[in-house]
Amino acid sequence: MYVCLCAAVTSQQVNEAIAAGASTTKQVGEATGAGTVCGRCRGSIRALIAAARQQAAPLG
């Protein structure tokens, strides 16, 4: 699914950038171009970052 239509960046590409160490919307933008044109997708990028953090957090 496309996260950023302006830069044609998919959720898979954003998730790959996060897995490679991007932890902010700015870092994801630098890695993929997402969020660097109109900025409308930055909320979706933040949600993907938060989801990745939740998955990485230990339970308990």
Protein backbone atom coordinates (compact mmCIF):
# COMPACT_ATOMS: atom_id res chain seq x y z
CA MET A 1 0.00 0.00 0.00
CA TYR A 2 1.24 3.48 -0.79
CA VAL A 3 2.00 5.61 2.25
CA CYS A 4 3.28 8.61 0.28
CA LEU A 5 1.66 9.26 -3.07
CA CYS A 6 3.87 12.27 -3.83
CA ALA A 7 7.06 10.21 -3.72
CA ALA A 8 5.44 6.85 -4.57
CA VAL A 9 6.68 5.23 -1.35
CA THR A 10 5.02 2.08 -0.07
CA SER A 11 4.51 0.90 3.50
CA GLN A 12 7.01 -1.87 2.77
CA GLN A 13 9.67 0.70 1.91
CA VAL A 14 8.90 2.68 5.06
CA ASN A 15 9.07 -0.50 7.17
CA GLU A 16 12.41 -1.39 5.59
CA ALA A 17 13.76 2.07 6.47
CA ILE A 18 12.53 1.63 10.05
CA ALA A 19 14.15 -1.82 10.25
CA ALA A 20 17.39 -0.24 9.01
CA GLY A 21 17.32 2.22 11.91
CA ALA A 22 15.11 5.15 10.93
CA SER A 23 13.17 6.20 14.03
CA THR A 24 11.73 9.60 13.06
CA THR A 25 9.68 10.90 10.14
CA LYS A 26 12.71 12.96 9.08
CA GLN A 27 14.94 9.87 8.98
CA VAL A 28 12.31 7.90 7.04
CA GLY A 29 12.06 10.84 4.63
CA GLU A 30 15.81 10.92 4.15
CA ALA A 31 15.85 7.18 3.46
CA THR A 32 12.77 6.95 1.23
CA GLY A 33 11.56 10.41 0.25
CA ALA A 34 8.25 9.86 2.06
CA GLY A 35 6.89 12.94 3.78
CA THR A 36 9.23 15.34 2.03
CA VAL A 37 6.82 16.87 -0.49
CA CYS A 38 3.42 17.85 0.92
CA GLY A 39 3.74 16.17 4.34
CA ARG A 40 0.23 14.72 4.40
CA CYS A 41 1.61 11.21 4.99
CA ARG A 42 3.69 12.05 8.06
CA GLY A 43 0.94 10.82 10.40
CA SER A 44 0.94 7.45 8.66
CA ILE A 45 4.72 7.29 8.89
CA ARG A 46 4.56 8.05 12.63
CA ALA A 47 1.98 5.27 13.02
CA LEU A 48 4.26 2.78 11.26
CA ILE A 49 7.18 3.83 13.49
CA ALA A 50 5.00 3.40 16.60
CA ALA A 51 3.82 -0.03 15.44
CA ALA A 52 7.41 -1.13 14.88
CA ARG A 53 8.37 0.08 18.37
CA GLN A 54 5.44 -1.85 19.89
CA GLN A 55 6.49 -5.03 18.12
CA ALA A 56 10.08 -4.59 19.29
CA ALA A 57 9.13 -3.89 22.92
CA PRO A 58 9.41 -6.83 25.29
CA LEU A 59 6.15 -8.07 26.75
CA GLY A 60 5.52 -7.78 30.44
